[in-house]
Structures are given as C-alpha cells and as structure tokens.
Amino acid sequence: MRYRIDPEVVWTPSQDEVRLYSARTGEFQTLNSTAAQIWLGISENGSAEDTAAELAVRYGADSPAQRALITRDIEEFVTRLVAQGLLEEESGAARA
C-alpha cells in the first residue's frame, strides 16, 4: 500500500520531531522522534513497507521477528494517521 500526505496538512521537521497542522480539522500535532522518522519515511517513499525496511536496517533488526514487529507497528501507526486524515491511501498503480 502506498500513501501520500493529505494536501490540507502542513508540516515541518523541528529538531527530532515533526510538527503537523491539518487545515481540514484545525488541529496541531507534534510527532515524537520515532513517529517523526516514520512520517519522514512515508513522505519520501510513500510506502509503509519500505519505511519499515529502512528503519529495520537503521536499528539493526536482524531477526525476522524483529522486522515483523517493526513492520506491524509502522502499519498500525500509518492506519491511525489515515484515520485522522493526515495521510491518504494512494489509488492506482504503484510508483516506480
């Protein structure tokens, strides 16, 4: 599954956090360091799976169980971001 940031969301990295504002809801959020890394990964590659793989390598997740846990946690977080209207699922073919 591929994702994109909702066009009504304005965001900026700030130190080790990401600050978000949704013009649609009028709400501000600050993502902590871990959540910010996921957000930045999704913003760069649009893929929860690719972001999970990158973070698994970055943090030395060697076993399949560790990689599966990272993937599951990221997918759950992304699902919450979609539910909050901060991310949208992309339709159509995957990007190259």
Protein backbone atom coordinates (compact mmCIF):
# COMPACT_ATOMS: atom_id res chain seq x y z
CA MET A 1 0.00 0.00 0.00
CA ARG A 2 1.24 3.46 -0.87
CA TYR A 3 0.38 6.68 0.96
CA ARG A 4 0.64 10.40 0.48
CA ILE A 5 0.29 13.31 2.85
CA ASP A 6 -3.14 14.92 2.71
CA PRO A 7 -2.83 18.19 0.75
CA GLU A 8 -4.53 20.02 3.63
CA VAL A 9 -1.69 19.08 6.01
CA VAL A 10 1.18 21.50 6.55
CA TRP A 11 4.20 20.04 8.29
CA THR A 12 7.77 20.81 9.19
CA PRO A 13 10.60 18.90 10.85
CA SER A 14 11.75 20.55 14.08
CA GLN A 15 14.83 19.11 15.77
CA ASP A 16 13.93 15.44 16.25
CA GLU A 17 10.17 15.98 15.93
CA VAL A 18 7.71 16.76 13.15
CA ARG A 19 5.03 19.38 13.66
CA LEU A 20 1.77 18.98 11.76
CA TYR A 21 -1.21 21.22 11.14
CA SER A 22 -4.36 19.97 9.44
CA ALA A 23 -6.23 22.82 7.77
CA ARG A 24 -9.14 20.41 7.39
CA THR A 25 -9.56 19.89 11.15
CA GLY A 26 -7.72 22.93 12.53
CA GLU A 27 -5.64 20.67 14.77
CA PHE A 28 -1.92 20.80 15.51
CA GLN A 29 0.14 17.73 16.40
CA THR A 30 3.75 17.12 17.29
CA LEU A 31 5.21 13.73 16.42
CA ASN A 32 7.97 12.44 18.68
CA SER A 33 11.29 11.21 17.29
CA THR A 34 10.11 7.70 16.44
CA ALA A 35 6.87 8.85 14.84
CA ALA A 36 8.78 11.59 13.01
CA GLN A 37 11.08 9.01 11.43
CA ILE A 38 8.05 7.11 10.16
CA TRP A 39 6.42 10.30 8.85
CA LEU A 40 9.61 11.34 7.04
CA GLY A 41 9.95 7.87 5.53
CA ILE A 42 6.38 7.93 4.24
CA SER A 43 6.86 11.48 2.91
CA GLU A 44 9.95 10.36 0.98
CA ASN A 45 8.89 6.98 -0.38
CA GLY A 46 5.13 6.68 0.19
CA SER A 47 5.44 3.12 1.45
CA ALA A 48 4.96 1.75 4.96
CA GLU A 49 6.80 -1.42 3.91
CA ASP A 50 9.83 0.48 2.55
CA THR A 51 9.91 2.70 5.62
CA ALA A 52 9.81 -0.37 7.88
CA ALA A 53 12.66 -1.97 5.94
CA GLU A 54 14.77 1.21 6.17
CA LEU A 55 14.19 1.56 9.91
CA ALA A 56 14.90 -2.13 10.50
CA VAL A 57 18.30 -1.71 8.84
CA ARG A 58 18.98 1.57 10.67
CA TYR A 59 18.31 -0.01 14.06
CA GLY A 60 19.89 -3.39 13.39
CA ALA A 61 16.75 -5.52 13.49
CA ASP A 62 18.40 -8.79 12.50
CA SER A 63 15.75 -11.41 13.12
CA PRO A 64 12.58 -11.91 11.09
CA ALA A 65 10.59 -11.48 14.32
CA GLN A 66 12.16 -8.06 14.95
CA ARG A 67 11.50 -6.94 11.38
CA ALA A 68 7.91 -8.20 11.59
CA LEU A 69 7.36 -6.25 14.82
CA ILE A 70 8.69 -3.05 13.25
CA THR A 71 6.52 -3.57 10.18
CA ARG A 72 3.40 -4.23 12.27
CA ASP A 73 3.98 -1.18 14.47
CA ILE A 74 4.51 1.08 11.46
CA GLU A 75 1.41 -0.26 9.71
CA GLU A 76 -0.67 0.38 12.86
CA PHE A 77 0.69 3.92 13.15
CA VAL A 78 0.03 4.65 9.48
CA THR A 79 -3.52 3.31 9.86
CA ARG A 80 -4.07 5.84 12.67
CA LEU A 81 -2.67 8.66 10.51
CA VAL A 82 -5.09 7.71 7.72
CA ALA A 83 -8.00 7.64 10.20
CA GLN A 84 -7.00 11.12 11.41
CA GLY A 85 -6.98 12.41 7.83
CA LEU A 86 -3.25 13.18 7.84
CA LEU A 87 -2.33 10.56 5.24
CA GLU A 88 -4.30 9.26 2.28
CA GLU A 89 -4.06 5.90 0.58
CA GLU A 90 -2.90 6.28 -3.00
CA SER A 91 -5.04 4.65 -5.63
CA GLY A 92 -3.82 3.24 -8.92
CA ALA A 93 -0.56 1.60 -9.85
CA ALA A 94 2.49 1.75 -7.63
CA ARG A 95 5.11 4.34 -8.48
CA ALA A 96 8.41 3.25 -9.96
